[in-house]
C-alpha atoms as a PDB file:
ATOM      1  CA  MET A   1     109.075  94.861  84.603  1.00  0.00           C
ATOM      2  CA  LYS A   2     105.576  93.647  85.423  1.00  0.00           C
ATOM      3  CA  ARG A   3     105.185  90.292  87.110  1.00  0.00           C
ATOM      4  CA  SER A   4     102.054  88.246  86.569  1.00  0.00           C
ATOM      5  CA  ILE A   5      99.699  87.146  89.337  1.00  0.00           C
ATOM      6  CA  PHE A   6     100.813  83.575  88.674  1.00  0.00           C
ATOM      7  CA  LEU A   7     104.469  84.400  89.361  1.00  0.00           C
ATOM      8  CA  LYS A   8     103.596  86.391  92.473  1.00  0.00           C
ATOM      9  CA  LEU A   9     101.434  83.599  93.894  1.00  0.00           C
ATOM     10  CA  PHE A  10     103.939  80.905  93.047  1.00  0.00           C
ATOM     11  CA  ALA A  11     106.829  82.963  94.479  1.00  0.00           C
ATOM     12  CA  ALA A  12     104.837  83.502  97.685  1.00  0.00           C
ATOM     13  CA  PHE A  13     104.184  79.755  97.982  1.00  0.00           C
ATOM     14  CA  VAL A  14     107.857  78.990  97.328  1.00  0.00           C
ATOM     15  CA  ILE A  15     108.973  81.413 100.043  1.00  0.00           C
ATOM     16  CA  VAL A  16     106.453  80.046 102.560  1.00  0.00           C
ATOM     17  CA  VAL A  17     107.289  76.408 101.796  1.00  0.00           C
ATOM     18  CA  VAL A  18     111.055  76.948 101.899  1.00  0.00           C
ATOM     19  CA  VAL A  19     110.992  79.036 105.101  1.00  0.00           C
ATOM     20  CA  LEU A  20     108.637  76.674 106.945  1.00  0.00           C
ATOM     21  CA  SER A  21     110.558  73.631 105.749  1.00  0.00           C
ATOM     22  CA  GLY A  22     113.828  75.164 106.909  1.00  0.00           C
ATOM     23  CA  LEU A  23     112.391  76.013 110.325  1.00  0.00           C
ATOM     24  CA  ILE A  24     110.853  72.557 110.707  1.00  0.00           C
ATOM     25  CA  LEU A  25     114.088  70.845 109.663  1.00  0.00           C
ATOM     26  CA  VAL A  26     116.197  72.921 112.050  1.00  0.00           C
ATOM     27  CA  TYR A  27     113.768  72.322 114.926  1.00  0.00           C
ATOM     28  CA  SER A  28     113.506  68.607 114.147  1.00  0.00           C
ATOM     29  CA  PHE A  29     117.304  68.218 113.958  1.00  0.00           C
ATOM     30  CA  GLN A  30     117.715  69.957 117.303  1.00  0.00           C
ATOM     31  CA  THR A  31     114.923  67.881 118.853  1.00  0.00           C
ATOM     32  CA  ILE A  32     116.308  64.610 117.499  1.00  0.00           C
ATOM     33  CA  HIS A  33     119.808  65.506 118.669  1.00  0.00           C
ATOM     34  CA  ALA A  34     118.548  66.414 122.149  1.00  0.00           C
ATOM     35  CA  ARG A  35     116.488  63.232 122.449  1.00  0.00           C
ATOM     36  CA  TRP A  36     119.345  61.096 121.172  1.00  0.00           C
ATOM     37  CA  ILE A  37     121.693  62.641 123.737  1.00  0.00           C
ATOM     38  CA  ALA A  38     119.053  62.032 126.427  1.00  0.00           C
ATOM     39  CA  ARG A  39     118.707  58.424 125.272  1.00  0.00           C
ATOM     40  CA  GLU A  40     122.460  57.834 125.320  1.00  0.00           C
ATOM     41  CA  THR A  41     122.707  59.531 128.705  1.00  0.00           C
ATOM     42  CA  ALA A  42     120.040  57.205 130.084  1.00  0.00           C
ATOM     43  CA  GLY A  43     121.923  54.231 128.605  1.00  0.00           C
ATOM     44  CA  LEU A  44     125.169  55.324 130.276  1.00  0.00           C
ATOM     45  CA  GLU A  45     123.330  55.753 133.586  1.00  0.00           C
ATOM     46  CA  SER A  46     121.933  52.224 133.302  1.00  0.00           C
ATOM     47  CA  LEU A  47     125.362  50.815 132.469  1.00  0.00           C
ATOM     48  CA  ALA A  48     126.901  52.640 135.412  1.00  0.00           C
ATOM     49  CA  GLY A  49     124.166  51.282 137.691  1.00  0.00           C
ATOM     50  CA  VAL A  50     124.988  47.724 136.555  1.00  0.00           C
ATOM     51  CA  LEU A  51     128.768  48.151 136.964  1.00  0.00           C
ATOM     52  CA  ALA A  52     128.660  49.879 140.359  1.00  0.00           C
ATOM     53  CA  PRO A  53     127.973  46.750 142.498  1.00  0.00           C
ATOM     54  CA  ARG A  54     130.787  44.893 140.733  1.00  0.00           C
ATOM     55  CA  ILE A  55     133.270  47.730 141.191  1.00  0.00           C
ATOM     56  CA  LEU A  56     132.623  48.504 144.876  1.00  0.00           C
ATOM     57  CA  PRO A  57     134.470  45.387 146.234  1.00  0.00           C
ATOM     58  CA  LEU A  58     137.520  46.166 144.071  1.00  0.00           C
ATOM     59  CA  LEU A  59     138.237  49.740 145.242  1.00  0.00           C
ATOM     60  CA  GLY A  60     141.025  48.691 147.576  1.00  0.00           C
ATOM     61  CA  GLU A  61     144.689  48.567 146.489  1.00  0.00           C
ATOM     62  CA  GLU A  62     144.680  44.771 146.484  1.00  0.00           C
ATOM     63  CA  GLY A  63     141.784  44.742 144.004  1.00  0.00           C
ATOM     64  CA  ARG A  64     143.277  47.254 141.587  1.00  0.00           C
ATOM     65  CA  PRO A  65     144.485  44.749 138.931  1.00  0.00           C
ATOM     66  CA  THR A  66     141.081  43.086 138.900  1.00  0.00           C
ATOM     67  CA  LEU A  67     139.414  46.525 138.750  1.00  0.00           C
ATOM     68  CA  GLU A  68     141.420  47.525 135.679  1.00  0.00           C
ATOM     69  CA  ALA A  69     140.549  44.254 133.955  1.00  0.00           C
ATOM     70  CA  LEU A  70     136.866  44.685 134.814  1.00  0.00           C
ATOM     71  CA  VAL A  71     136.863  48.283 133.549  1.00  0.00           C
ATOM     72  CA  ARG A  72     138.493  47.364 130.241  1.00  0.00           C
ATOM     73  CA  GLN A  73     136.168  44.407 129.718  1.00  0.00           C
ATOM     74  CA  ALA A  74     133.052  46.482 130.497  1.00  0.00           C
ATOM     75  CA  ALA A  75     134.239  49.239 128.144  1.00  0.00           C
ATOM     76  CA  ALA A  76     134.833  46.719 125.335  1.00  0.00           C
ATOM     77  CA  ASP A  77     131.421  45.125 125.817  1.00  0.00           C
ATOM     78  CA  GLY A  78     129.520  48.423 125.954  1.00  0.00           C
ATOM     79  CA  LYS A  79     131.723  50.313 123.444  1.00  0.00           C
ATOM     80  CA  VAL A  80     132.203  53.062 125.987  1.00  0.00           C
ATOM     81  CA  ARG A  81     134.941  54.484 128.177  1.00  0.00           C
ATOM     82  CA  VAL A  82     134.885  53.619 131.891  1.00  0.00           C
ATOM     83  CA  THR A  83     136.775  55.534 134.567  1.00  0.00           C
ATOM     84  CA  VAL A  84     136.856  55.039 138.362  1.00  0.00           C
ATOM     85  CA  VAL A  85     137.830  58.076 140.466  1.00  0.00           C
ATOM     86  CA  THR A  86     138.388  58.491 144.207  1.00  0.00           C
ATOM     87  CA  PRO A  87     136.479  61.189 146.153  1.00  0.00           C
ATOM     88  CA  GLN A  88     139.688  63.249 146.033  1.00  0.00           C
ATOM     89  CA  GLY A  89     139.801  63.096 142.198  1.00  0.00           C
ATOM     90  CA  ARG A  90     142.581  60.525 141.758  1.00  0.00           C
ATOM     91  CA  VAL A  91     141.977  58.099 138.876  1.00  0.00           C
ATOM     92  CA  LEU A  92     142.005  54.474 140.070  1.00  0.00           C
ATOM     93  CA  ALA A  93     141.312  52.847 136.696  1.00  0.00           C
ATOM     94  CA  ASP A  94     140.515  53.871 133.127  1.00  0.00           C
ATOM     95  CA  SER A  95     139.628  51.691 130.167  1.00  0.00           C
ATOM     96  CA  THR A  96     141.622  53.665 127.580  1.00  0.00           C
ATOM     97  CA  ALA A  97     144.539  55.297 129.416  1.00  0.00           C
ATOM     98  CA  ASP A  98     147.076  54.618 132.151  1.00  0.00           C
ATOM     99  CA  ALA A  99     145.458  55.738 135.398  1.00  0.00           C
ATOM    100  CA  LEU A 100     148.844  56.523 136.975  1.00  0.00           C
ATOM    101  CA  THR A 101     149.653  59.140 134.321  1.00  0.00           C
ATOM    102  CA  MET A 102     146.260  60.849 134.319  1.00  0.00           C
ATOM    103  CA  GLU A 103     145.757  64.190 136.047  1.00  0.00           C
ATOM    104  CA  THR A 104     143.338  64.725 138.893  1.00  0.00           C
ATOM    105  CA  HIS A 105     139.627  64.655 137.976  1.00  0.00           C
ATOM    106  CA  HIS A 106     138.364  66.372 141.078  1.00  0.00           C
ATOM    107  CA  TYR A 107     137.217  69.473 139.183  1.00  0.00           C
ATOM    108  CA  ARG A 108     135.527  67.709 136.293  1.00  0.00           C
ATOM    109  CA  PRO A 109     131.862  68.856 136.102  1.00  0.00           C
ATOM    110  CA  GLU A 110     130.409  65.341 136.126  1.00  0.00           C
ATOM    111  CA  ILE A 111     132.638  64.368 139.097  1.00  0.00           C
ATOM    112  CA  LEU A 112     131.629  67.421 141.134  1.00  0.00           C
ATOM    113  CA  ALA A 113     127.950  66.813 140.362  1.00  0.00           C
ATOM    114  CA  ALA A 114     128.223  63.130 141.393  1.00  0.00           C
ATOM    115  CA  LEU A 115     129.997  64.017 144.640  1.00  0.00           C
ATOM    116  CA  SER A 116     127.163  66.429 145.442  1.00  0.00           C
ATOM    117  CA  GLY A 117     124.675  63.564 145.238  1.00  0.00           C
ATOM    118  CA  GLU A 118     123.399  64.110 141.685  1.00  0.00           C
ATOM    119  CA  THR A 119     123.925  62.184 138.477  1.00  0.00           C
ATOM    120  CA  GLY A 120     126.683  64.125 136.767  1.00  0.00           C
ATOM    121  CA  VAL A 121     126.249  64.760 133.021  1.00  0.00           C
ATOM    122  CA  SER A 122     128.690  66.719 130.911  1.00  0.00           C
ATOM    123  CA  ARG A 123     129.539  67.217 127.230  1.00  0.00           C
ATOM    124  CA  ARG A 124     133.003  68.509 126.438  1.00  0.00           C
ATOM    125  CA  ARG A 125     136.322  67.728 124.792  1.00  0.00           C
ATOM    126  CA  SER A 126     138.463  65.172 126.598  1.00  0.00           C
ATOM    127  CA  PRO A 127     142.042  66.424 127.233  1.00  0.00           C
ATOM    128  CA  THR A 128     143.213  62.798 127.385  1.00  0.00           C
ATOM    129  CA  MET A 129     141.507  61.430 124.257  1.00  0.00           C
ATOM    130  CA  LYS A 130     141.372  64.732 122.305  1.00  0.00           C
ATOM    131  CA  GLU A 131     137.764  63.924 121.369  1.00  0.00           C
ATOM    132  CA  ASP A 132     134.334  65.400 122.185  1.00  0.00           C
ATOM    133  CA  MET A 133     132.632  63.084 124.660  1.00  0.00           C
ATOM    134  CA  LEU A 134     129.467  62.636 126.672  1.00  0.00           C
ATOM    135  CA  TYR A 135     130.196  61.919 130.358  1.00  0.00           C
ATOM    136  CA  VAL A 136     127.913  60.468 133.033  1.00  0.00           C
ATOM    137  CA  GLY A 137     129.141  60.280 136.643  1.00  0.00           C
ATOM    138  CA  LEU A 138     127.576  58.024 139.322  1.00  0.00           C
ATOM    139  CA  LEU A 139     128.445  58.215 143.037  1.00  0.00           C
ATOM    140  CA  LEU A 140     129.834  55.015 144.620  1.00  0.00           C
ATOM    141  CA  ARG A 141     128.731  54.427 148.224  1.00  0.00           C
ATOM    142  CA  ASP A 142     129.710  51.744 150.702  1.00  0.00           C
ATOM    143  CA  GLN A 143     126.707  51.935 153.030  1.00  0.00           C
ATOM    144  CA  ASP A 144     126.806  55.642 154.065  1.00  0.00           C
ATOM    145  CA  ARG A 145     130.427  56.236 153.118  1.00  0.00           C
ATOM    146  CA  ILE A 146     131.405  57.828 149.780  1.00  0.00           C
ATOM    147  CA  VAL A 147     134.139  55.681 148.283  1.00  0.00           C
ATOM    148  CA  GLY A 148     134.426  57.061 144.766  1.00  0.00           C
ATOM    149  CA  VAL A 149     132.803  58.027 141.446  1.00  0.00           C
ATOM    150  CA  LEU A 150     132.140  55.750 138.483  1.00  0.00           C
ATOM    151  CA  ARG A 151     132.245  57.650 135.215  1.00  0.00           C
ATOM    152  CA  VAL A 152     131.007  56.190 131.954  1.00  0.00           C
ATOM    153  CA  SER A 153     131.549  58.171 128.739  1.00  0.00           C
ATOM    154  CA  LEU A 154     130.770  57.897 125.053  1.00  0.00           C
ATOM    155  CA  TYR A 155     132.419  59.412 121.990  1.00  0.00           C
ATOM    156  CA  LEU A 156     130.157  62.061 120.489  1.00  0.00           C
ATOM    157  CA  LYS A 157     131.556  61.392 117.018  1.00  0.00           C
ATOM    158  CA  ASP A 158     129.705  58.073 117.070  1.00  0.00           C
ATOM    159  CA  ILE A 159     126.477  59.850 117.922  1.00  0.00           C
ATOM    160  CA  ASP A 160     127.167  62.523 115.312  1.00  0.00           C
ATOM    161  CA  ARG A 161     127.772  59.844 112.690  1.00  0.00           C
ATOM    162  CA  LEU A 162     124.410  58.229 113.435  1.00  0.00           C
ATOM    163  CA  LEU A 163     122.653  61.577 113.525  1.00  0.00           C
ATOM    164  CA  ALA A 164     124.268  62.598 110.226  1.00  0.00           C
ATOM    165  CA  ALA A 165     122.884  59.478 108.539  1.00  0.00           C
ATOM    166  CA  LEU A 166     119.459  60.127 110.082  1.00  0.00           C
ATOM    167  CA  ARG A 167     119.639  63.801 109.083  1.00  0.00           C
ATOM    168  CA  LEU A 168     120.419  62.830 105.491  1.00  0.00           C
ATOM    169  CA  ARG A 169     117.356  60.565 105.352  1.00  0.00           C
ATOM    170  CA  ILE A 170     115.163  63.304 106.806  1.00  0.00           C
ATOM    171  CA  MET A 171     116.486  65.833 104.293  1.00  0.00           C
ATOM    172  CA  ARG A 172     115.741  63.468 101.415  1.00  0.00           C
ATOM    173  CA  LEU A 173     112.202  62.982 102.654  1.00  0.00           C
ATOM    174  CA  ALA A 174     111.887  66.737 103.163  1.00  0.00           C
ATOM    175  CA  ALA A 175     113.115  67.367  99.604  1.00  0.00           C
ATOM    176  CA  VAL A 176     110.457  65.012  98.229  1.00  0.00           C
ATOM    177  CA  ALA A 177     107.804  66.711 100.377  1.00  0.00           C
ATOM    178  CA  ILE A 178     108.944  70.189  99.276  1.00  0.00           C
ATOM    179  CA  LEU A 179     108.830  69.189  95.604  1.00  0.00           C
ATOM    180  CA  ALA A 180     105.333  67.777  96.091  1.00  0.00           C
ATOM    181  CA  LEU A 181     104.216  70.984  97.835  1.00  0.00           C
ATOM    182  CA  LEU A 182     105.746  73.157  95.138  1.00  0.00           C
ATOM    183  CA  GLY A 183     104.000  71.062  92.495  1.00  0.00           C
ATOM    184  CA  GLY A 184     100.712  71.611  94.293  1.00  0.00           C
ATOM    185  CA  ALA A 185     101.498  75.331  94.616  1.00  0.00           C
ATOM    186  CA  LEU A 186     102.204  75.479  90.877  1.00  0.00           C
ATOM    187  CA  LEU A 187      98.856  73.895  90.026  1.00  0.00           C
ATOM    188  CA  PHE A 188      96.997  76.076  92.532  1.00  0.00           C
ATOM    189  CA  SER A 189      98.669  79.265  91.233  1.00  0.00           C
ATOM    190  CA  ARG A 190      97.700  78.381  87.667  1.00  0.00           C
ATOM    191  CA  HIS A 191      94.173  77.562  88.796  1.00  0.00           C
ATOM    192  CA  VAL A 192      93.815  80.958  90.500  1.00  0.00           C
ATOM    193  CA  SER A 193      95.582  83.045  87.847  1.00  0.00           C
ATOM    194  CA  ARG A 194      93.817  81.529  84.801  1.00  0.00           C
ATOM    195  CA  PRO A 195      90.485  83.406  85.376  1.00  0.00           C
ATOM    196  CA  ILE A 196      92.401  86.607  86.068  1.00  0.00           C
ATOM    197  CA  ARG A 197      94.329  86.173  82.830  1.00  0.00           C
ATOM    198  CA  LYS A 198      91.041  85.620  80.972  1.00  0.00           C
ATOM    199  CA  LEU A 199      89.612  88.801  82.494  1.00  0.00           C
ATOM    200  CA  THR A 200      92.734  90.734  81.497  1.00  0.00           C
ATOM    201  CA  GLU A 201      92.569  89.552  77.887  1.00  0.00           C
ATOM    202  CA  ALA A 202      88.846  90.280  77.734  1.00  0.00           C
ATOM    203  CA  SER A 203      89.412  93.787  79.143  1.00  0.00           C
ATOM    204  CA  ARG A 204      91.921  94.503  76.380  1.00  0.00           C
ATOM    205  CA  LYS A 205      89.443  93.362  73.733  1.00  0.00           C
ATOM    206  CA  VAL A 206      86.731  95.565  75.233  1.00  0.00           C
ATOM    207  CA  ALA A 207      89.147  98.493  75.345  1.00  0.00           C
ATOM    208  CA  ALA A 208      89.786  97.893  71.631  1.00  0.00           C
ATOM    209  CA  GLY A 209      86.038  98.105  70.942  1.00  0.00           C
ATOM    210  CA  ASP A 210      85.023  94.434  70.922  1.00  0.00           C
ATOM    211  CA  PHE A 211      81.921  94.469  73.111  1.00  0.00           C
ATOM    212  CA  GLN A 212      80.970  90.902  72.174  1.00  0.00           C
ATOM    213  CA  THR A 213      83.674  89.545  74.477  1.00  0.00           C
ATOM    214  CA  LYS A 214      82.466  87.340  77.334  1.00  0.00           C
ATOM    215  CA  VAL A 215      84.305  85.661  80.213  1.00  0.00           C
ATOM    216  CA  TYR A 216      83.151  82.346  81.675  1.00  0.00           C
ATOM    217  CA  VAL A 217      84.643  80.961  84.900  1.00  0.00           C
ATOM    218  CA  ARG A 218      83.724  77.483  86.132  1.00  0.00           C
ATOM    219  CA  ASN A 219      84.578  78.102  89.765  1.00  0.00           C
ATOM    220  CA  LYS A 220      81.794  79.285  92.007  1.00  0.00           C
ATOM    221  CA  ASP A 221      83.694  81.892  93.970  1.00  0.00           C
ATOM    222  CA  GLU A 222      84.507  85.604  93.946  1.00  0.00           C
ATOM    223  CA  LEU A 223      86.215  85.294  90.547  1.00  0.00           C
ATOM    224  CA  SER A 224      83.030  83.897  88.990  1.00  0.00           C
ATOM    225  CA  ASP A 225      81.121  86.842  90.481  1.00  0.00           C
ATOM    226  CA  LEU A 226      83.717  89.168  88.990  1.00  0.00           C
ATOM    227  CA  ALA A 227      83.348  87.491  85.580  1.00  0.00           C
ATOM    228  CA  GLU A 228      79.566  87.889  85.719  1.00  0.00           C
ATOM    229  CA  SER A 229      79.952  91.542  86.681  1.00  0.00           C
ATOM    230  CA  PHE A 230      82.404  92.003  83.813  1.00  0.00           C
ATOM    231  CA  ASN A 231      79.971  90.468  81.342  1.00  0.00           C
ATOM    232  CA  ALA A 232      77.149  92.693  82.636  1.00  0.00           C
ATOM    233  CA  MET A 233      79.457  95.719  82.397  1.00  0.00           C
ATOM    234  CA  THR A 234      80.330  94.812  78.798  1.00  0.00           C
ATOM    235  CA  VAL A 235      76.652  94.674  77.854  1.00  0.00           C
ATOM    236  CA  ARG A 236      76.062  98.008  79.567  1.00  0.00           C
ATOM    237  CA  LEU A 237      79.086  99.580  77.845  1.00  0.00           C
ATOM    238  CA  LYS A 238      77.878  98.348  74.482  1.00  0.00           C
ATOM    239  CA  THR A 239      74.504  99.967  75.103  1.00  0.00           C
ATOM    240  CA  LEU A 240      76.090 103.236  76.269  1.00  0.00           C
ATOM    241  CA  PHE A 241      78.447 103.364  73.284  1.00  0.00           C
ATOM    242  CA  GLU A 242      75.574 102.739  70.892  1.00  0.00           C
ATOM    243  CA  GLU A 243      73.574 105.502  72.578  1.00  0.00           C
ATOM    244  CA  ALA A 244      76.580 107.829  72.507  1.00  0.00           C
ATOM    245  CA  LYS A 245      77.180 107.069  68.831  1.00  0.00           C
ATOM    246  CA  ALA A 246      73.533 107.752  68.043  1.00  0.00           C
ATOM    247  CA  GLN A 247      73.674 111.007  69.961  1.00  0.00           C
ATOM    248  CA  LYS A 248      76.894 111.952  68.205  1.00  0.00           C
ATOM    249  CA  ASP A 249      75.389 111.235  64.775  1.00  0.00           C
ATOM    250  CA  GLU A 250      72.286 113.205  65.714  1.00  0.00           C
ATOM    251  CA  LEU A 251      74.391 116.090  66.987  1.00  0.00           C
ATOM    252  CA  SER A 252      76.474 116.036  63.802  1.00  0.00           C
ATOM    253  CA  GLN A 253      73.329 116.182  61.715  1.00  0.00           C
ATOM    254  CA  VAL A 254      71.982 119.052  63.799  1.00  0.00           C
ATOM    255  CA  ILE A 255      75.239 120.990  63.627  1.00  0.00           C
ATOM    256  CA  GLY A 256      75.550 120.306  59.915  1.00  0.00           C
ATOM    257  CA  SER A 257      72.049 121.628  59.296  1.00  0.00           C
ATOM    258  CA  ILE A 258      72.697 124.938  61.051  1.00  0.00           C
ATOM    259  CA  ARG A 259      72.976 127.742  58.479  1.00  0.00           C
ATOM    260  CA  GLU A 260      75.208 129.829  60.728  1.00  0.00           C
ATOM    261  CA  GLY A 261      78.900 128.985  60.968  1.00  0.00           C
ATOM    262  CA  LEU A 262      79.940 127.081  64.121  1.00  0.00           C
ATOM    263  CA  MET A 263      83.467 126.569  65.446  1.00  0.00           C
ATOM    264  CA  VAL A 264      84.637 125.020  68.745  1.00  0.00           C
ATOM    265  CA  ILE A 265      88.087 126.111  69.971  1.00  0.00           C
ATOM    266  CA  GLY A 266      89.957 124.156  72.605  1.00  0.00           C
ATOM    267  CA  PRO A 267      92.092 125.499  75.493  1.00  0.00           C
ATOM    268  CA  ASP A 268      95.214 125.272  73.289  1.00  0.00           C
ATOM    269  CA  ASP A 269      93.563 127.471  70.587  1.00  0.00           C
ATOM    270  CA  ARG A 270      93.153 124.536  68.181  1.00  0.00           C
ATOM    271  CA  ILE A 271      89.882 123.958  66.344  1.00  0.00           C
ATOM    272  CA  LEU A 272      88.006 120.934  67.642  1.00  0.00           C
ATOM    273  CA  LEU A 273      84.837 121.175  65.569  1.00  0.00           C
ATOM    274  CA  ALA A 274      83.538 123.164  62.576  1.00  0.00           C
ATOM    275  CA  ASN A 275      80.352 122.775  60.522  1.00  0.00           C
ATOM    276  CA  ARG A 276      79.915 123.164  56.750  1.00  0.00           C
ATOM    277  CA  SER A 277      78.653 126.734  56.997  1.00  0.00           C
ATOM    278  CA  CYS A 278      81.829 127.708  58.918  1.00  0.00           C
ATOM    279  CA  LEU A 279      84.016 126.090  56.260  1.00  0.00           C
ATOM    280  CA  SER A 280      82.066 127.881  53.542  1.00  0.00           C
ATOM    281  CA  LEU A 281      82.386 131.257  55.223  1.00  0.00           C
ATOM    282  CA  CYS A 282      86.108 130.756  55.889  1.00  0.00           C
ATOM    283  CA  ARG A 283      86.627 129.297  52.369  1.00  0.00           C
ATOM    284  CA  THR A 284      88.834 126.448  53.590  1.00  0.00           C
ATOM    285  CA  GLU A 285      88.797 122.702  54.199  1.00  0.00           C
ATOM    286  CA  GLY A 286      90.420 120.425  56.795  1.00  0.00           C
ATOM    287  CA  VAL A 287      90.415 122.877  59.682  1.00  0.00           C
ATOM    288  CA  ILE A 288      90.175 120.315  62.517  1.00  0.00           C
ATOM    289  CA  GLY A 289      93.376 120.413  64.589  1.00  0.00           C
ATOM    290  CA  LYS A 290      94.573 123.741  63.193  1.00  0.00           C
ATOM    291  CA  TYR A 291      94.959 126.965  65.171  1.00  0.00           C
ATOM    292  CA  PHE A 292      91.965 129.252  64.742  1.00  0.00           C
ATOM    293  CA  TRP A 293      94.163 132.124  63.512  1.00  0.00           C
ATOM    294  CA  GLU A 294      95.367 129.935  60.663  1.00  0.00           C
ATOM    295  CA  VAL A 295      91.763 129.643  59.438  1.00  0.00           C
ATOM    296  CA  VAL A 296      90.384 133.108  60.175  1.00  0.00           C
ATOM    297  CA  ARG A 297      93.219 135.447  59.223  1.00  0.00           C
ATOM    298  CA  HIS A 298      92.028 138.671  60.830  1.00  0.00           C
ATOM    299  CA  PRO A 299      94.026 140.461  63.582  1.00  0.00           C
ATOM    300  CA  GLY A 300      90.869 141.802  65.176  1.00  0.00           C
ATOM    301  CA  PHE A 301      89.377 138.319  65.367  1.00  0.00           C
ATOM    302  CA  GLN A 302      92.456 137.020  67.136  1.00  0.00           C
ATOM    303  CA  GLU A 303      92.246 139.827  69.700  1.00  0.00           C
ATOM    304  CA  PHE A 304      88.510 139.196  70.066  1.00  0.00           C
ATOM    305  CA  ILE A 305      89.005 135.501  70.883  1.00  0.00           C
ATOM    306  CA  GLY A 306      91.973 136.322  73.167  1.00  0.00           C
ATOM    307  CA  ARG A 307      89.887 138.841  75.178  1.00  0.00           C
ATOM    308  CA  ALA A 308      87.109 136.311  75.581  1.00  0.00           C
ATOM    309  CA  LYS A 309      89.606 133.727  76.841  1.00  0.00           C
ATOM    310  CA  ALA A 310      91.208 136.192  79.277  1.00  0.00           C
ATOM    311  CA  ALA A 311      87.888 137.531  80.547  1.00  0.00           C
ATOM    312  CA  LYS A 312      86.262 134.095  80.456  1.00  0.00           C
ATOM    313  CA  GLN A 313      82.968 135.522  79.299  1.00  0.00           C
ATOM    314  CA  SER A 314      80.804 135.740  76.178  1.00  0.00           C
ATOM    315  CA  ALA A 315      81.089 138.564  73.565  1.00  0.00           C
ATOM    316  CA  VAL A 316      79.795 139.649  70.119  1.00  0.00           C
ATOM    317  CA  GLU A 317      81.628 141.644  67.420  1.00  0.00           C
ATOM    318  CA  GLU A 318      81.563 142.300  63.613  1.00  0.00           C
ATOM    319  CA  PHE A 319      84.453 141.501  61.250  1.00  0.00           C
ATOM    320  CA  LEU A 320      85.160 141.771  57.544  1.00  0.00           C
ATOM    321  CA  VAL A 321      86.508 138.392  56.429  1.00  0.00           C
ATOM    322  CA  ASN A 322      86.930 137.349  52.773  1.00  0.00           C
ATOM    323  CA  ASP A 323      84.786 140.314  51.601  1.00  0.00           C
ATOM    324  CA  LYS A 324      81.991 139.258  53.927  1.00  0.00           C
ATOM    325  CA  ILE A 325      80.645 141.046  56.961  1.00  0.00           C
ATOM    326  CA  LEU A 326      80.471 138.452  59.732  1.00  0.00           C
ATOM    327  CA  LEU A 327      78.853 138.833  63.130  1.00  0.00           C
ATOM    328  CA  ALA A 328      80.959 136.681  65.420  1.00  0.00           C
ATOM    329  CA  GLY A 329      79.731 135.584  68.815  1.00  0.00           C
ATOM    330  CA  VAL A 330      81.845 133.642  71.373  1.00  0.00           C
ATOM    331  CA  VAL A 331      80.535 131.681  74.331  1.00  0.00           C
ATOM    332  CA  TRP A 332      82.949 130.601  77.106  1.00  0.00           C
ATOM    333  CA  VAL A 333      82.454 127.020  78.407  1.00  0.00           C
ATOM    334  CA  PRO A 334      84.218 126.957  81.813  1.00  0.00           C
ATOM    335  CA  SER A 335      83.839 123.232  82.500  1.00  0.00           C
ATOM    336  CA  ARG A 336      86.279 122.271  79.714  1.00  0.00           C
ATOM    337  CA  GLU A 337      87.780 125.716  78.972  1.00  0.00           C
ATOM    338  CA  ARG A 338      86.435 125.722  75.438  1.00  0.00           C
ATOM    339  CA  ARG A 339      85.076 128.568  73.324  1.00  0.00           C
ATOM    340  CA  ILE A 340      82.116 128.138  70.988  1.00  0.00           C
ATOM    341  CA  VAL A 341      82.233 130.640  68.141  1.00  0.00           C
ATOM    342  CA  THR A 342      79.289 131.333  65.806  1.00  0.00           C
ATOM    343  CA  PHE A 343      79.393 133.288  62.536  1.00  0.00           C
ATOM    344  CA  LEU A 344      76.396 135.051  61.025  1.00  0.00           C
ATOM    345  CA  ASP A 345      76.770 136.414  57.489  1.00  0.00           C
ATOM    346  CA  LEU A 346      75.462 140.008  57.475  1.00  0.00           C
ATOM    347  CA  THR A 347      76.601 140.790  53.939  1.00  0.00           C
END
């Protein structure tokens, strides 16, 4: 099934728009997610930096009740989870769980990173809360002595909920943009394919013999040049066909005026042309398209034409056909594998 230029162009635009839009959306979602995580991480670092001076005086056993109250209040105000851990990994206080029942945190990635002097950042599932969380660990120092790690964490489901809403808005805007682009692609495809469709229709008319057909294209581009060339070609074809028709009529008059019989035989042994004298000598009508042996019923003539075809050369021989002595001559035309046969009445 043939597909038009319009469909091919429009399909190409659709593929390009959809693929590029998909890539841009995926990249933008990843970029937004990464920047949002970086923003939340920076916020947790700032919160930890504010809480650290208030927590340092409460790290002793006598300050534990006050520490737990401070941790829970800070977590409620910042909508985060706050955990205080000793350098050995023991949990001193946690805003959402009982510190005494919690397992050691010494091997948590954010704790290890904080103890090594860096700001620990980790994203993983919390075994205590059974939720995916973002953790930021900050080292607590009392002068030059390491006294613990302050960890502030945030539920990733909250971030995912915000990102999902933002992603939905972006996808709606992207859908509007894609529809606008596809609309533009539709108009552009029609604009490009319309001259081609005109040229196609004009070519069919010319092929049917209508040499008055013209194509006019408003655009000043390669298609307008093609239309001008097509119009010039049509004029030239009209002239050539008129010349060919005149030559054909002249040739028909010349052949018809020849007193000798003339017959043209094609490569399949069918008669392609015969003048009036040939029809008169053969005493038949309507020979065009028939086999030559159907018109000239003479075994010797059939052998004569067959030898000329096999030898691919000219020959002359006499035959008695319809009570007339005919001198038949055959000329081999190699370019089109035709045989031109002439008959001269010797009676």
